[in-house]
N, C-alpha and C. Protein backbone atom coordinates (compact mmCIF):
# COMPACT_ATOMS: atom_id res chain seq x y z
N UNK A 1 12.73 -8.23 10.08
CA UNK A 1 11.32 -8.18 10.42
C UNK A 1 11.17 -8.68 11.86
N UNK A 2 10.65 -7.83 12.71
CA UNK A 2 10.53 -8.18 14.11
C UNK A 2 9.38 -9.15 14.34
N UNK A 3 8.20 -8.79 13.87
CA UNK A 3 7.06 -9.68 14.08
C UNK A 3 5.90 -9.29 13.17
N UNK A 4 4.82 -10.06 13.29
CA UNK A 4 3.64 -9.86 12.46
C UNK A 4 3.02 -8.49 12.71
N UNK A 5 3.00 -8.06 13.95
CA UNK A 5 2.39 -6.77 14.30
C UNK A 5 3.12 -5.61 13.61
N UNK A 6 4.45 -5.67 13.59
CA UNK A 6 5.23 -4.62 12.95
C UNK A 6 4.99 -4.60 11.43
N UNK A 7 4.85 -5.76 10.83
CA UNK A 7 4.58 -5.83 9.40
C UNK A 7 3.21 -5.21 9.09
N UNK A 8 2.23 -5.51 9.91
CA UNK A 8 0.90 -4.92 9.72
C UNK A 8 0.96 -3.40 9.86
N UNK A 9 1.72 -2.91 10.83
CA UNK A 9 1.87 -1.47 11.00
C UNK A 9 2.54 -0.84 9.78
N UNK A 10 3.58 -1.49 9.27
CA UNK A 10 4.27 -0.98 8.09
C UNK A 10 3.32 -0.88 6.89
N UNK A 11 2.52 -1.92 6.69
CA UNK A 11 1.55 -1.91 5.60
C UNK A 11 0.58 -0.76 5.77
N UNK A 12 0.08 -0.60 6.98
CA UNK A 12 -0.89 0.45 7.26
C UNK A 12 -0.28 1.84 7.05
N UNK A 13 0.92 2.05 7.55
CA UNK A 13 1.55 3.36 7.43
C UNK A 13 1.88 3.71 5.98
N UNK A 14 2.48 2.78 5.26
CA UNK A 14 2.90 3.05 3.88
C UNK A 14 1.68 3.36 3.01
N UNK A 15 0.70 2.48 3.04
CA UNK A 15 -0.45 2.69 2.17
C UNK A 15 -1.32 3.85 2.65
N UNK A 16 -1.36 4.07 3.96
CA UNK A 16 -2.08 5.24 4.48
C UNK A 16 -1.44 6.54 4.04
N UNK A 17 -0.11 6.59 4.04
CA UNK A 17 0.59 7.78 3.57
C UNK A 17 0.37 8.01 2.08
N UNK A 18 0.30 6.95 1.31
CA UNK A 18 0.04 7.08 -0.12
C UNK A 18 -1.35 7.65 -0.35
N UNK A 19 -2.34 7.14 0.37
CA UNK A 19 -3.70 7.65 0.23
C UNK A 19 -3.77 9.11 0.66
N UNK A 20 -3.08 9.44 1.73
CA UNK A 20 -3.05 10.83 2.19
C UNK A 20 -2.41 11.74 1.15
N UNK A 21 -1.36 11.27 0.48
CA UNK A 21 -0.71 12.07 -0.56
C UNK A 21 -1.66 12.32 -1.73
N UNK A 22 -2.48 11.33 -2.05
CA UNK A 22 -3.46 11.52 -3.13
C UNK A 22 -4.50 12.57 -2.72
N UNK A 23 -4.95 12.51 -1.47
CA UNK A 23 -5.91 13.51 -1.00
C UNK A 23 -5.32 14.92 -1.02
N UNK A 24 -4.04 15.03 -0.67
CA UNK A 24 -3.37 16.34 -0.71
C UNK A 24 -3.31 16.82 -2.15
N UNK A 25 -2.99 15.93 -3.09
CA UNK A 25 -2.95 16.31 -4.49
C UNK A 25 -4.32 16.77 -4.96
N UNK A 26 -5.37 16.03 -4.59
CA UNK A 26 -6.73 16.41 -4.99
C UNK A 26 -7.10 17.77 -4.42
N UNK A 27 -6.72 18.03 -3.19
CA UNK A 27 -7.03 19.30 -2.55
C UNK A 27 -6.25 20.44 -3.20
N UNK A 28 -5.02 20.16 -3.61
CA UNK A 28 -4.17 21.18 -4.24
C UNK A 28 -4.54 21.45 -5.69
N UNK A 29 -5.23 20.51 -6.32
CA UNK A 29 -5.59 20.63 -7.74
C UNK A 29 -7.08 20.40 -7.94
N UNK A 30 -7.92 21.29 -7.41
CA UNK A 30 -9.37 21.07 -7.50
C UNK A 30 -9.91 21.15 -8.93
N UNK A 31 -9.20 21.81 -9.81
CA UNK A 31 -9.70 21.97 -11.18
C UNK A 31 -9.41 20.74 -12.05
N UNK A 32 -8.54 19.86 -11.63
CA UNK A 32 -8.18 18.68 -12.42
C UNK A 32 -9.14 17.53 -12.13
N UNK A 33 -9.25 16.64 -13.10
CA UNK A 33 -10.11 15.47 -12.97
C UNK A 33 -9.55 14.52 -11.91
N UNK A 34 -10.42 14.05 -11.02
CA UNK A 34 -9.99 13.20 -9.91
C UNK A 34 -10.15 11.72 -10.22
N UNK A 35 -10.50 11.39 -11.46
CA UNK A 35 -10.74 9.98 -11.79
C UNK A 35 -9.47 9.14 -11.60
N UNK A 36 -8.33 9.64 -12.07
CA UNK A 36 -7.08 8.88 -11.94
C UNK A 36 -6.64 8.78 -10.48
N UNK A 37 -6.81 9.85 -9.73
CA UNK A 37 -6.41 9.81 -8.32
C UNK A 37 -7.30 8.87 -7.51
N UNK A 38 -8.57 8.80 -7.85
CA UNK A 38 -9.47 7.87 -7.16
C UNK A 38 -9.08 6.43 -7.47
N UNK A 39 -8.61 6.18 -8.68
CA UNK A 39 -8.16 4.84 -9.05
C UNK A 39 -6.92 4.44 -8.23
N UNK A 40 -6.03 5.39 -7.97
CA UNK A 40 -4.86 5.12 -7.14
C UNK A 40 -5.29 4.74 -5.73
N UNK A 41 -6.26 5.47 -5.19
CA UNK A 41 -6.77 5.16 -3.84
C UNK A 41 -7.39 3.77 -3.83
N UNK A 42 -8.19 3.45 -4.84
CA UNK A 42 -8.81 2.12 -4.92
C UNK A 42 -7.74 1.02 -4.98
N UNK A 43 -6.70 1.24 -5.77
CA UNK A 43 -5.63 0.25 -5.88
C UNK A 43 -4.86 0.11 -4.56
N UNK A 44 -4.68 1.21 -3.84
CA UNK A 44 -4.00 1.15 -2.54
C UNK A 44 -4.83 0.34 -1.54
N UNK A 45 -6.14 0.50 -1.58
CA UNK A 45 -7.02 -0.26 -0.67
C UNK A 45 -7.01 -1.74 -1.02
N UNK A 46 -7.03 -2.05 -2.30
CA UNK A 46 -6.98 -3.46 -2.72
C UNK A 46 -5.65 -4.08 -2.30
N UNK A 47 -4.57 -3.34 -2.48
CA UNK A 47 -3.24 -3.82 -2.07
C UNK A 47 -3.21 -4.06 -0.57
N UNK A 48 -3.77 -3.12 0.20
CA UNK A 48 -3.82 -3.27 1.65
C UNK A 48 -4.56 -4.55 2.04
N UNK A 49 -5.73 -4.74 1.47
CA UNK A 49 -6.52 -5.93 1.79
C UNK A 49 -5.78 -7.21 1.44
N UNK A 50 -5.13 -7.22 0.29
CA UNK A 50 -4.39 -8.40 -0.15
C UNK A 50 -3.22 -8.71 0.78
N UNK A 51 -2.44 -7.69 1.11
CA UNK A 51 -1.27 -7.91 1.96
C UNK A 51 -1.66 -8.32 3.38
N UNK A 52 -2.68 -7.70 3.94
CA UNK A 52 -3.13 -8.08 5.29
C UNK A 52 -3.65 -9.52 5.30
N UNK A 53 -4.36 -9.91 4.25
CA UNK A 53 -4.85 -11.29 4.17
C UNK A 53 -3.67 -12.26 4.11
N UNK A 54 -2.62 -11.91 3.38
CA UNK A 54 -1.45 -12.77 3.30
C UNK A 54 -0.71 -12.82 4.64
N UNK A 55 -0.66 -11.72 5.37
CA UNK A 55 -0.02 -11.72 6.69
C UNK A 55 -0.77 -12.64 7.64
N UNK A 56 -2.09 -12.62 7.55
CA UNK A 56 -2.91 -13.40 8.47
C UNK A 56 -3.05 -14.87 8.08
N UNK A 57 -2.47 -15.28 6.96
CA UNK A 57 -2.55 -16.67 6.53
C UNK A 57 -1.85 -17.57 7.55
N UNK A 58 -2.51 -18.65 7.92
CA UNK A 58 -1.97 -19.55 8.94
C UNK A 58 -1.30 -20.79 8.36
N UNK A 59 -1.49 -21.06 7.09
CA UNK A 59 -0.97 -22.30 6.50
C UNK A 59 0.38 -22.09 5.83
N UNK A 60 1.27 -21.38 6.50
CA UNK A 60 2.59 -21.06 5.95
C UNK A 60 3.64 -21.88 6.69
N UNK A 61 4.51 -22.54 5.94
CA UNK A 61 5.54 -23.36 6.56
C UNK A 61 6.74 -22.53 6.99
N UNK A 62 7.25 -21.68 6.10
CA UNK A 62 8.41 -20.86 6.41
C UNK A 62 7.96 -19.41 6.60
N UNK A 63 7.65 -19.06 7.83
CA UNK A 63 7.08 -17.74 8.11
C UNK A 63 8.05 -16.61 7.79
N UNK A 64 9.31 -16.81 8.06
CA UNK A 64 10.30 -15.75 7.82
C UNK A 64 10.35 -15.40 6.33
N UNK A 65 10.41 -16.39 5.48
CA UNK A 65 10.44 -16.15 4.03
C UNK A 65 9.11 -15.56 3.56
N UNK A 66 8.02 -16.03 4.14
CA UNK A 66 6.69 -15.53 3.78
C UNK A 66 6.57 -14.04 4.10
N UNK A 67 6.97 -13.65 5.31
CA UNK A 67 6.89 -12.23 5.70
C UNK A 67 7.87 -11.38 4.90
N UNK A 68 9.01 -11.94 4.56
CA UNK A 68 9.99 -11.20 3.76
C UNK A 68 9.43 -10.93 2.37
N UNK A 69 8.73 -11.90 1.80
CA UNK A 69 8.13 -11.69 0.47
C UNK A 69 7.01 -10.66 0.53
N UNK A 70 6.25 -10.66 1.61
CA UNK A 70 5.19 -9.65 1.78
C UNK A 70 5.81 -8.27 1.90
N UNK A 71 6.89 -8.15 2.65
CA UNK A 71 7.56 -6.87 2.82
C UNK A 71 8.11 -6.36 1.49
N UNK A 72 8.70 -7.24 0.70
CA UNK A 72 9.24 -6.80 -0.60
C UNK A 72 8.11 -6.42 -1.55
N UNK A 73 7.00 -7.12 -1.48
CA UNK A 73 5.85 -6.75 -2.33
C UNK A 73 5.28 -5.41 -1.90
N UNK A 74 5.27 -5.13 -0.60
CA UNK A 74 4.82 -3.83 -0.11
C UNK A 74 5.69 -2.72 -0.69
N UNK A 75 7.00 -2.92 -0.69
CA UNK A 75 7.91 -1.92 -1.26
C UNK A 75 7.65 -1.73 -2.75
N UNK A 76 7.47 -2.82 -3.47
CA UNK A 76 7.24 -2.74 -4.91
C UNK A 76 5.93 -2.02 -5.23
N UNK A 77 4.86 -2.46 -4.59
CA UNK A 77 3.55 -1.85 -4.84
C UNK A 77 3.53 -0.39 -4.39
N UNK A 78 4.19 -0.11 -3.28
CA UNK A 78 4.25 1.27 -2.78
C UNK A 78 4.95 2.18 -3.77
N UNK A 79 6.06 1.71 -4.31
CA UNK A 79 6.80 2.52 -5.30
C UNK A 79 5.98 2.74 -6.56
N UNK A 80 5.25 1.70 -7.00
CA UNK A 80 4.40 1.84 -8.19
C UNK A 80 3.32 2.90 -7.95
N UNK A 81 2.69 2.85 -6.79
CA UNK A 81 1.64 3.83 -6.48
C UNK A 81 2.21 5.24 -6.37
N UNK A 82 3.39 5.38 -5.79
CA UNK A 82 4.02 6.69 -5.67
C UNK A 82 4.37 7.25 -7.04
N UNK A 83 4.86 6.39 -7.94
CA UNK A 83 5.15 6.83 -9.30
C UNK A 83 3.89 7.32 -10.00
N UNK A 84 2.78 6.62 -9.77
CA UNK A 84 1.51 7.05 -10.37
C UNK A 84 1.06 8.38 -9.81
N UNK A 85 1.31 8.62 -8.53
CA UNK A 85 0.95 9.92 -7.93
C UNK A 85 1.80 11.01 -8.56
N UNK A 86 3.08 10.76 -8.75
CA UNK A 86 3.97 11.74 -9.33
C UNK A 86 3.60 12.09 -10.77
N UNK A 87 2.98 11.14 -11.49
CA UNK A 87 2.58 11.40 -12.86
C UNK A 87 1.30 12.22 -12.96
N UNK A 88 0.56 12.33 -11.85
CA UNK A 88 -0.67 13.13 -11.89
C UNK A 88 -0.28 14.53 -12.15
């Protein structure tokens, strides 16, 4: 992890790509119900807000471990959201 700025960019890119994939699915499947896909978008936004708030936390003693845990959580949450998209 290079720095805080790169971590914020990674969070933005990963979750932005997931939201974009949901929009592509909705556009490709207009006859299907969009309730589940909208829930995925909502969960991606909540995840984004949570991770950015954790990145911006100032009361952290071991920043390297803190950022590493945020990065691993981003990977975990991202994979969960991608699996949900694939099940649509």
